[in-house]
Amino acid sequence: MEQKIKPEDLVLEATDHYYKSDFKQAIISLDKAIELNPDFAQAWYNKGITYSVMGHVQDEIESYERAIEIEPQYAEAWSNKASALGRAGRAEEALECTEKALELKPLFAIAWCNKGAALSSLGRDLEAIEAYDKAIEVEETYLEAWFNKAVSLHNLEKPKGALIAYSKAIELNPNYAEAYFNRAGLFLYLNDLEKAKSDLEKAIAIDSSYKQLALADESLKSLIS
């Protein structure tokens, strides 16, 4: 007697394709799982994650929405939907989704970080910093929270605080080109030309595209030899 394929097996199959970067095949497997069980929230959630790496933001949002319809207490789906809405330029909606995720799961570092990103997009950087601090309180080595906190401090023209946060991000990831690049701008603002030049050189060594960005900046291009 032929054994029937279970939706759970197809989700595992999709995960295997995902980690092999075969995202189209992962979607095919997830669609098969959903065909067998349309109310399989995890399959819809995984579909959203897969669409995220494919850059299909609207499909991603719709997948998370379907997961939430099936399982309204799905905090991870609320948080990921917030991230996708943020990337779609829908910051107010993103903020609402983070609030729901945190209501369901108060010690959810990713949701706190997503809340910070939404607040920053709305120009509410002081509140954003509070959200990033909450994320860091939950997960001290949360790289994205440290970097985003630095950006918000930078936006608020608080260079010393921003330097500390960028430095922490670099400590956590010594190959973080964007953090070196941003810190170079801060060092230049503080008139520490030696450190600014050193950071810019590191950013360019890690990612050569930062040379063009520096050349397009009137202040930074003077640091390029």
Protein backbone atom coordinates (compact mmCIF):
# COMPACT_ATOMS: atom_id res chain seq x y z
CA MET A 1 0.00 0.00 0.00
CA GLU A 2 1.42 3.35 -1.06
CA GLN A 3 2.20 5.67 1.86
CA LYS A 4 0.65 9.14 1.58
CA ILE A 5 2.94 12.16 1.72
CA LYS A 6 2.22 14.30 4.78
CA PRO A 7 2.18 18.11 4.71
CA GLU A 8 4.82 18.08 7.48
CA ASP A 9 7.14 16.07 5.23
CA LEU A 10 6.72 18.60 2.44
CA VAL A 11 7.60 21.44 4.83
CA LEU A 12 10.79 19.57 5.77
CA GLU A 13 11.49 19.06 2.07
CA ALA A 14 10.99 22.79 1.49
CA THR A 15 13.39 23.60 4.35
CA ASP A 16 16.02 21.41 2.70
CA HIS A 17 15.56 23.28 -0.60
CA TYR A 18 15.71 26.60 1.28
CA TYR A 19 19.08 25.81 2.85
CA LYS A 20 20.37 24.77 -0.58
CA SER A 21 19.24 28.21 -1.85
CA ASP A 22 16.74 26.56 -4.20
CA PHE A 23 13.97 28.96 -3.21
CA LYS A 24 11.64 28.32 -6.15
CA GLN A 25 11.59 24.61 -5.35
CA ALA A 26 11.01 25.43 -1.69
CA ILE A 27 7.89 27.39 -2.67
CA ILE A 28 6.68 24.47 -4.81
CA SER A 29 7.05 22.10 -1.84
CA LEU A 30 5.26 24.52 0.48
CA ASP A 31 2.42 24.97 -2.01
CA LYS A 32 2.02 21.19 -2.11
CA ALA A 33 1.86 21.11 1.71
CA ILE A 34 -0.76 23.88 1.68
CA GLU A 35 -2.75 22.06 -1.01
CA LEU A 36 -2.93 19.06 1.33
CA ASN A 37 -3.66 21.21 4.39
CA PRO A 38 -4.75 24.80 3.60
CA ASP A 39 -4.79 25.61 7.33
CA PHE A 40 -1.16 24.66 7.96
CA ALA A 41 0.08 27.92 9.54
CA GLN A 42 3.76 26.92 9.58
CA ALA A 43 3.71 26.23 5.84
CA TRP A 44 2.34 29.71 5.20
CA TYR A 45 4.90 31.21 7.62
CA ASN A 46 7.78 29.38 5.93
CA LYS A 47 6.47 30.55 2.58
CA GLY A 48 6.73 34.13 3.87
CA ILE A 49 10.33 33.59 4.93
CA THR A 50 11.18 32.12 1.54
CA TYR A 51 9.54 35.01 -0.31
CA SER A 52 11.56 37.36 1.91
CA VAL A 53 14.90 36.08 0.63
CA MET A 54 13.52 36.13 -2.92
CA GLY A 55 12.65 39.82 -2.51
CA HIS A 56 8.92 39.28 -3.14
CA VAL A 57 7.66 41.57 -0.39
CA GLN A 58 3.95 41.60 -1.21
CA ASP A 59 3.83 37.79 -1.48
CA GLU A 60 5.73 37.64 1.81
CA ILE A 61 3.20 39.89 3.56
CA GLU A 62 0.27 37.90 2.21
CA SER A 63 1.84 34.63 3.40
CA TYR A 64 2.28 35.94 6.94
CA GLU A 65 -1.26 37.29 6.89
CA ARG A 66 -2.59 33.85 6.00
CA ALA A 67 -0.54 32.27 8.82
CA ILE A 68 -2.00 34.84 11.25
CA GLU A 69 -5.56 34.23 10.03
CA ILE A 70 -5.10 30.55 10.87
CA GLU A 71 -3.18 31.12 14.10
CA PRO A 72 -3.78 34.62 15.54
CA GLN A 73 -1.34 34.00 18.41
CA TYR A 74 1.59 33.42 16.02
CA ALA A 75 3.99 36.05 17.41
CA GLU A 76 6.77 35.25 14.91
CA ALA A 77 4.40 35.77 11.99
CA TRP A 78 3.29 39.15 13.41
CA SER A 79 6.93 40.20 13.85
CA ASN A 80 8.00 39.06 10.38
CA LYS A 81 4.98 40.76 8.85
CA ALA A 82 6.13 43.96 10.59
CA SER A 83 9.58 43.62 9.03
CA ALA A 84 8.09 43.08 5.57
CA LEU A 85 5.72 46.03 5.95
CA GLY A 86 8.69 48.17 6.97
CA ARG A 87 10.53 47.19 3.79
CA ALA A 88 7.38 48.05 1.83
CA GLY A 89 7.39 51.56 3.33
CA ARG A 90 4.31 50.91 5.49
CA ALA A 91 5.82 51.95 8.82
CA GLU A 92 2.58 52.69 10.70
CA GLU A 93 1.22 49.22 9.91
CA ALA A 94 4.60 47.70 10.78
CA LEU A 95 4.50 49.37 14.19
CA GLU A 96 1.02 47.97 14.86
CA CYS A 97 2.24 44.46 14.02
CA THR A 98 5.22 44.74 16.39
CA GLU A 99 2.87 45.82 19.17
CA LYS A 100 0.79 42.69 18.57
CA ALA A 101 3.90 40.46 18.50
CA LEU A 102 5.12 41.95 21.80
CA GLU A 103 1.71 41.63 23.39
CA LEU A 104 1.91 37.91 22.64
CA LYS A 105 5.61 37.54 23.48
CA PRO A 106 7.03 40.41 25.61
CA LEU A 107 10.62 39.11 25.65
CA PHE A 108 10.86 38.87 21.85
CA ALA A 109 14.12 40.58 20.85
CA ILE A 110 13.43 40.53 17.10
CA ALA A 111 10.03 42.16 17.59
CA TRP A 112 11.60 44.89 19.75
CA CYS A 113 14.18 45.50 17.01
CA ASN A 114 11.45 45.61 14.35
CA LYS A 115 9.53 48.07 16.53
CA GLY A 116 12.63 50.26 16.69
CA ALA A 117 12.99 50.17 12.91
CA ALA A 118 9.34 51.16 12.43
CA LEU A 119 9.66 54.02 14.93
CA SER A 120 12.86 55.26 13.28
CA SER A 121 11.15 55.22 9.87
CA LEU A 122 8.48 57.45 11.38
CA GLY A 123 11.12 59.88 12.64
CA ARG A 124 10.65 58.79 16.26
CA ASP A 125 14.29 57.94 16.96
CA LEU A 126 14.19 58.53 20.73
CA GLU A 127 11.46 55.90 21.06
CA ALA A 128 13.33 53.71 18.58
CA ILE A 129 16.39 53.72 20.84
CA GLU A 130 14.24 52.59 23.76
CA ALA A 131 12.99 49.68 21.65
CA TYR A 132 16.53 48.73 20.58
CA ASP A 133 17.61 48.85 24.22
CA LYS A 134 14.80 46.42 25.05
CA ALA A 135 16.03 44.10 22.31
CA ILE A 136 19.58 44.30 23.66
CA GLU A 137 18.34 43.73 27.20
CA VAL A 138 16.82 40.44 26.00
CA GLU A 139 19.74 39.52 23.73
CA GLU A 140 22.95 41.35 24.57
CA THR A 141 24.76 40.28 21.39
CA TYR A 142 21.97 41.30 19.00
CA LEU A 143 24.04 42.80 16.18
CA GLU A 144 21.20 44.44 14.25
CA ALA A 145 19.85 46.11 17.39
CA TRP A 146 23.26 47.62 18.20
CA PHE A 147 23.73 48.87 14.63
CA ASN A 148 20.22 50.29 14.38
CA LYS A 149 20.63 51.97 17.77
CA ALA A 150 23.80 53.60 16.46
CA VAL A 151 21.94 54.87 13.38
CA SER A 152 19.18 56.39 15.53
CA LEU A 153 21.72 58.05 17.81
CA HIS A 154 23.52 59.29 14.69
CA ASN A 155 20.20 60.72 13.38
CA LEU A 156 19.70 62.53 16.70
CA GLU A 157 23.22 64.01 16.45
CA LYS A 158 24.47 62.15 19.50
CA PRO A 159 27.89 61.16 18.12
CA LYS A 160 29.43 59.77 21.31
CA GLY A 161 26.57 57.39 21.95
CA ALA A 162 26.51 56.43 18.28
CA LEU A 163 30.26 55.68 18.37
CA ILE A 164 29.78 53.33 21.32
CA ALA A 165 26.96 51.48 19.54
CA TYR A 166 28.81 51.25 16.20
CA SER A 167 31.88 50.00 18.04
CA LYS A 168 29.81 47.30 19.73
CA ALA A 169 28.40 46.26 16.34
CA ILE A 170 31.95 46.03 14.96
CA GLU A 171 33.05 44.04 17.99
CA LEU A 172 30.24 41.57 17.27
CA ASN A 173 31.04 41.50 13.54
CA PRO A 174 34.56 42.69 12.67
CA ASN A 175 33.65 42.57 8.95
CA TYR A 176 30.68 44.94 9.18
CA ALA A 177 31.55 47.34 6.36
CA GLU A 178 28.56 49.64 6.85
CA ALA A 179 29.35 50.09 10.52
CA TYR A 180 32.95 51.07 9.70
CA PHE A 181 31.71 53.45 7.01
CA ASN A 182 29.21 55.15 9.30
CA ARG A 183 31.71 55.33 12.15
CA ALA A 184 34.21 56.95 9.77
CA GLY A 185 31.69 59.75 9.20
CA LEU A 186 31.28 60.22 12.93
CA PHE A 187 35.02 60.33 13.55
CA LEU A 188 35.28 62.94 10.79
CA TYR A 189 32.51 64.97 12.45
CA LEU A 190 34.50 64.79 15.71
CA ASN A 191 37.61 65.92 13.80
CA ASP A 192 39.50 62.67 14.46
CA LEU A 193 40.88 62.35 10.93
CA GLU A 194 43.22 59.44 11.65
CA LYS A 195 40.44 57.19 12.98
CA ALA A 196 38.05 58.33 10.26
CA LYS A 197 40.57 57.41 7.55
CA SER A 198 41.31 54.06 9.19
CA ASP A 199 37.61 53.14 9.39
CA LEU A 200 36.94 54.20 5.81
CA GLU A 201 39.86 52.09 4.59
CA LYS A 202 38.49 49.10 6.49
CA ALA A 203 35.02 49.58 5.02
CA ILE A 204 36.43 49.74 1.49
CA ALA A 205 38.69 46.72 2.07
CA ILE A 206 35.65 44.68 3.14
CA ASP A 207 33.33 46.03 0.42
CA SER A 208 34.80 48.05 -2.45
CA SER A 209 31.43 49.68 -3.22
CA TYR A 210 32.01 51.95 -0.23
CA LYS A 211 34.75 53.72 -2.18
CA GLN A 212 32.16 55.10 -4.62
CA LEU A 213 29.92 56.12 -1.72
CA ALA A 214 32.84 57.94 -0.10
CA LEU A 215 33.77 59.69 -3.36
CA ALA A 216 30.18 60.93 -3.63
CA ASP A 217 30.46 62.49 -0.15
CA GLU A 218 32.23 65.86 -0.08
CA SER A 219 33.66 65.33 3.39
CA LEU A 220 34.63 61.66 3.13
CA LYS A 221 36.27 61.81 -0.29
CA SER A 222 39.11 63.89 1.18
CA LEU A 223 40.11 60.82 3.23
CA ILE A 224 40.74 58.65 0.18
CA SER A 225 44.40 58.47 -0.77
